[in-house]
């Protein structure tokens, strides 16, 4: 109670909302710039079970923006180091770390167990896979991305439009659009991670779906933020399959 007292004091957020967080299962896909901070904020807020999945190991270039890691962690799996940090921050929750790729063999089983999936990975193939299984299994998805000075985020929930409605796969197969190749300011993924975690808490505690069928665009150079509404694509193969 004392740990979460500042949340419970909020107007519209009471013990019932806090208990909903405690009972929630959240999967975080990618333990990089976005996943690190999203996971930490959810852990501090009291989300009961957080599952981390990332097959990457920590490299020197990650330290510029991925706040969970230090030089002493170089060469270790991101998911394992992040899990240890989260347990130090909040020992009253459950953390699961998976040092493997999310693929067609494990995605269905893993996603089916969740109340919410947060996607912050850095490649299109995984994003499309996560979207496909979240849509198929009717598990809400908050997808966030960051590159350069810009970020974007939106939610897939219920009968809403999905990731492939907004970004048809045949038009977005260029895997060079990654931080590794295009660069990213240290703050950009952390801004998007904070927005992602904030929306996740609103959804888990209050059932808020503010970004359902809305694309949030954040520009770090102009400090402008926009919300664009969009509709379901009736030709979307993912939505048709569902």
Protein backbone atom coordinates (compact mmCIF):
# COMPACT_ATOMS: atom_id res chain seq x y z
CA UNK A 1 0.00 0.00 0.00
CA UNK A 2 2.79 2.42 0.88
CA UNK A 3 4.71 1.60 -2.32
CA UNK A 4 1.72 2.49 -4.53
CA UNK A 5 0.21 5.16 -2.28
CA UNK A 6 0.78 8.07 -4.68
CA UNK A 7 -1.17 6.26 -7.40
CA UNK A 8 -4.02 5.29 -5.08
CA UNK A 9 -4.37 8.96 -4.08
CA UNK A 10 -5.19 9.93 -7.68
CA UNK A 11 -8.73 11.02 -8.51
CA UNK A 12 -10.24 8.16 -10.51
CA UNK A 13 -7.52 5.71 -9.49
CA UNK A 14 -8.26 3.71 -6.34
CA UNK A 15 -7.39 0.37 -4.77
CA UNK A 16 -9.52 -1.44 -7.34
CA UNK A 17 -7.45 0.01 -10.20
CA UNK A 18 -4.25 -0.92 -8.37
CA UNK A 19 -5.50 -4.48 -7.88
CA UNK A 20 -6.17 -4.72 -11.61
CA UNK A 21 -2.49 -3.91 -12.21
CA UNK A 22 -1.46 -6.55 -9.69
CA UNK A 23 -3.48 -9.21 -11.56
CA UNK A 24 -2.28 -8.18 -15.03
CA UNK A 25 0.04 -10.16 -17.30
CA UNK A 26 2.05 -8.05 -19.77
CA UNK A 27 4.44 -9.19 -22.49
CA UNK A 28 7.19 -6.81 -23.58
CA UNK A 29 8.64 -7.64 -26.99
CA UNK A 30 12.14 -6.19 -27.23
CA UNK A 31 14.34 -5.08 -24.34
CA UNK A 32 16.00 -2.19 -26.16
CA UNK A 33 15.53 1.55 -25.93
CA UNK A 34 11.75 1.40 -25.62
CA UNK A 35 11.39 -1.90 -23.77
CA UNK A 36 13.87 -1.01 -21.02
CA UNK A 37 12.00 2.01 -19.73
CA UNK A 38 8.50 0.68 -20.41
CA UNK A 39 9.28 -2.40 -18.35
CA UNK A 40 10.76 -0.37 -15.49
CA UNK A 41 7.79 1.99 -15.30
CA UNK A 42 5.30 -0.89 -15.28
CA UNK A 43 7.31 -2.64 -12.58
CA UNK A 44 7.39 0.48 -10.42
CA UNK A 45 3.64 0.95 -10.91
CA UNK A 46 2.90 -2.59 -9.73
CA UNK A 47 2.01 -4.67 -12.80
CA UNK A 48 1.83 -8.20 -11.38
CA UNK A 49 3.61 -10.23 -14.06
CA UNK A 50 5.94 -8.94 -16.76
CA UNK A 51 7.38 -11.25 -19.40
CA UNK A 52 10.41 -10.02 -21.33
CA UNK A 53 11.52 -11.52 -24.64
CA UNK A 54 14.68 -10.53 -26.52
CA UNK A 55 17.43 -12.69 -28.01
CA UNK A 56 20.01 -9.87 -28.20
CA UNK A 57 23.05 -9.35 -26.02
CA UNK A 58 24.13 -5.97 -24.68
CA UNK A 59 26.59 -4.01 -26.82
CA UNK A 60 28.45 -0.77 -26.17
CA UNK A 61 26.26 1.18 -28.60
CA UNK A 62 23.18 0.24 -26.55
CA UNK A 63 24.36 2.15 -23.47
CA UNK A 64 23.64 5.55 -25.06
CA UNK A 65 19.86 5.09 -24.68
CA UNK A 66 19.00 1.75 -23.05
CA UNK A 67 18.86 2.86 -19.44
CA UNK A 68 18.76 -0.56 -17.76
CA UNK A 69 22.32 -1.43 -18.76
CA UNK A 70 25.84 -0.42 -17.72
CA UNK A 71 29.32 -1.26 -19.09
CA UNK A 72 29.48 -4.16 -16.63
CA UNK A 73 26.58 -5.80 -18.48
CA UNK A 74 28.26 -5.97 -21.90
CA UNK A 75 27.96 -9.41 -23.48
CA UNK A 76 25.04 -10.54 -21.32
CA UNK A 77 21.48 -11.13 -22.51
CA UNK A 78 19.31 -8.02 -22.36
CA UNK A 79 16.25 -9.86 -21.08
CA UNK A 80 18.15 -11.43 -18.18
CA UNK A 81 19.86 -8.21 -17.07
CA UNK A 82 16.62 -6.23 -17.35
CA UNK A 83 14.78 -8.89 -15.34
CA UNK A 84 17.34 -8.63 -12.53
CA UNK A 85 17.00 -4.86 -12.46
CA UNK A 86 13.21 -5.03 -12.30
CA UNK A 87 13.32 -7.48 -9.39
CA UNK A 88 15.61 -5.09 -7.51
CA UNK A 89 13.17 -2.25 -8.15
CA UNK A 90 10.04 -4.18 -7.16
CA UNK A 91 10.42 -7.59 -5.46
CA UNK A 92 6.63 -7.95 -5.10
CA UNK A 93 5.96 -8.77 -8.75
CA UNK A 94 6.83 -11.68 -11.05
CA UNK A 95 9.35 -11.27 -13.87
CA UNK A 96 9.97 -13.83 -16.62
CA UNK A 97 12.87 -13.41 -19.05
CA UNK A 98 13.16 -15.25 -22.37
CA UNK A 99 16.40 -15.05 -24.34
CA UNK A 100 14.94 -16.23 -27.62
CA UNK A 101 13.39 -14.77 -30.74
CA UNK A 102 9.64 -14.35 -30.91
CA UNK A 103 8.67 -16.50 -33.89
CA UNK A 104 5.76 -18.42 -35.36
CA UNK A 105 6.54 -21.41 -33.13
CA UNK A 106 6.24 -19.63 -29.78
CA UNK A 107 4.22 -16.46 -30.48
CA UNK A 108 0.76 -17.98 -30.18
CA UNK A 109 1.35 -19.74 -26.86
CA UNK A 110 3.14 -16.76 -25.36
CA UNK A 111 0.71 -14.04 -26.46
CA UNK A 112 -2.39 -16.06 -25.53
CA UNK A 113 -1.39 -15.79 -21.83
CA UNK A 114 -1.29 -11.98 -21.81
CA UNK A 115 -3.68 -9.17 -20.92
CA UNK A 116 -1.61 -6.71 -22.97
CA UNK A 117 1.40 -6.82 -25.30
CA UNK A 118 3.87 -3.94 -25.60
CA UNK A 119 5.89 -4.00 -28.80
CA UNK A 120 9.06 -1.96 -28.93
CA UNK A 121 11.18 -4.15 -31.19
CA UNK A 122 13.37 -2.78 -33.96
CA UNK A 123 12.44 -4.90 -36.98
CA UNK A 124 9.36 -5.08 -39.18
CA UNK A 125 9.09 -8.87 -39.41
CA UNK A 126 8.62 -9.20 -35.65
CA UNK A 127 6.17 -6.29 -35.57
CA UNK A 128 3.99 -7.93 -38.21
CA UNK A 129 4.16 -11.27 -36.39
CA UNK A 130 3.17 -9.73 -33.05
CA UNK A 131 0.31 -7.86 -34.73
CA UNK A 132 -0.92 -11.04 -36.43
CA UNK A 133 -1.10 -13.10 -33.25
CA UNK A 134 -2.50 -10.30 -31.08
CA UNK A 135 -5.25 -9.79 -33.66
CA UNK A 136 -5.90 -13.51 -34.00
CA UNK A 137 -6.05 -14.11 -30.24
CA UNK A 138 -7.84 -10.84 -29.43
CA UNK A 139 -5.05 -9.64 -27.12
CA UNK A 140 -4.61 -5.83 -26.97
CA UNK A 141 -1.39 -4.46 -28.45
CA UNK A 142 0.41 -1.17 -27.86
CA UNK A 143 3.00 -0.71 -30.60
CA UNK A 144 5.65 2.01 -30.24
CA UNK A 145 8.67 2.87 -32.34
CA UNK A 146 11.43 5.48 -32.34
CA UNK A 147 14.08 6.48 -34.84
CA UNK A 148 16.15 9.61 -35.24
CA UNK A 149 14.20 12.43 -33.58
CA UNK A 150 10.74 10.93 -34.14
CA UNK A 151 8.42 8.35 -32.63
CA UNK A 152 4.99 6.89 -33.18
CA UNK A 153 2.53 4.71 -31.27
CA UNK A 154 -0.96 3.25 -31.57
CA UNK A 155 -3.20 0.58 -30.08
CA UNK A 156 -4.80 -2.54 -31.55
CA UNK A 157 -7.77 -3.63 -29.43
CA UNK A 158 -10.98 -5.56 -30.01
CA UNK A 159 -12.36 -4.94 -33.49
CA UNK A 160 -10.04 -2.01 -34.23
CA UNK A 161 -7.78 -1.60 -37.21
CA UNK A 162 -4.45 -3.40 -36.88
CA UNK A 163 -0.81 -2.66 -37.65
CA UNK A 164 -1.08 -4.07 -41.17
CA UNK A 165 -4.16 -1.94 -41.89
CA UNK A 166 -2.05 1.13 -41.25
CA UNK A 167 1.26 -0.13 -42.69
CA UNK A 168 0.65 -2.77 -45.44
CA UNK A 169 3.44 -5.32 -45.31
CA UNK A 170 4.40 -5.04 -48.97
CA UNK A 171 5.11 -1.33 -48.48
CA UNK A 172 7.21 -1.69 -45.33
CA UNK A 173 9.79 -4.40 -45.83
CA UNK A 174 12.87 -2.19 -45.61
CA UNK A 175 14.72 -3.47 -42.55
CA UNK A 176 17.35 -0.72 -42.95
CA UNK A 177 14.97 1.66 -41.17
CA UNK A 178 16.48 0.80 -37.79
CA UNK A 179 18.51 2.68 -35.20
CA UNK A 180 21.51 0.57 -36.18
CA UNK A 181 21.49 2.10 -39.65
CA UNK A 182 19.69 5.45 -39.28
CA UNK A 183 20.67 6.59 -35.78
CA UNK A 184 18.58 7.78 -32.84
CA UNK A 185 18.90 10.50 -30.21
CA UNK A 186 19.24 9.09 -26.69
CA UNK A 187 15.99 10.68 -25.54
CA UNK A 188 13.70 9.67 -28.42
CA UNK A 189 13.03 6.02 -27.46
CA UNK A 190 12.68 6.99 -23.81
CA UNK A 191 9.99 9.57 -24.62
CA UNK A 192 8.08 6.91 -26.55
CA UNK A 193 8.62 4.33 -23.82
CA UNK A 194 7.13 6.69 -21.24
CA UNK A 195 4.10 7.33 -23.43
CA UNK A 196 3.70 3.60 -24.04
CA UNK A 197 3.91 2.72 -20.35
CA UNK A 198 1.51 5.56 -19.48
CA UNK A 199 -1.10 4.28 -21.92
CA UNK A 200 -0.57 0.71 -20.67
CA UNK A 201 -1.32 1.77 -17.10
CA UNK A 202 -4.42 3.68 -18.19
CA UNK A 203 -5.64 0.61 -20.05
CA UNK A 204 -4.85 -1.97 -17.37
CA UNK A 205 -6.13 0.10 -14.45
CA UNK A 206 -8.99 2.04 -16.01
CA UNK A 207 -9.80 0.33 -19.30
CA UNK A 208 -8.79 3.48 -21.22
CA UNK A 209 -8.21 2.96 -24.97
CA UNK A 210 -7.21 6.51 -25.95
CA UNK A 211 -5.08 5.39 -28.93
CA UNK A 212 -7.48 2.82 -30.39
CA UNK A 213 -7.48 3.54 -34.15
CA UNK A 214 -5.40 6.67 -33.57
CA UNK A 215 -1.77 7.10 -34.57
CA UNK A 216 0.29 9.26 -32.21
CA UNK A 217 3.18 11.03 -33.93
CA UNK A 218 5.88 12.73 -31.84
CA UNK A 219 8.49 15.03 -33.40
CA UNK A 220 11.49 15.62 -31.17
CA UNK A 221 12.82 18.54 -33.22
CA UNK A 222 9.68 20.68 -33.21
CA UNK A 223 8.34 19.21 -29.93
CA UNK A 224 5.00 18.73 -31.66
CA UNK A 225 2.66 15.82 -31.09
CA UNK A 226 -0.24 14.87 -33.35
CA UNK A 227 -3.05 12.32 -33.26
CA UNK A 228 -4.30 10.96 -36.59
CA UNK A 229 -7.44 8.84 -36.83
CA UNK A 230 -7.49 5.92 -39.26
CA UNK A 231 -9.94 3.20 -40.31
CA UNK A 232 -9.72 -0.52 -40.77
CA UNK A 233 -8.57 -1.68 -44.19
CA UNK A 234 -11.21 -4.11 -45.41
CA UNK A 235 -8.58 -5.76 -47.61
CA UNK A 236 -6.18 -6.34 -44.71
CA UNK A 237 -5.21 -10.05 -44.75
CA UNK A 238 -4.77 -10.16 -40.95
CA UNK A 239 -8.21 -8.75 -40.21
CA UNK A 240 -9.83 -10.92 -42.89
CA UNK A 241 -8.20 -14.03 -41.43
CA UNK A 242 -9.59 -13.20 -38.01
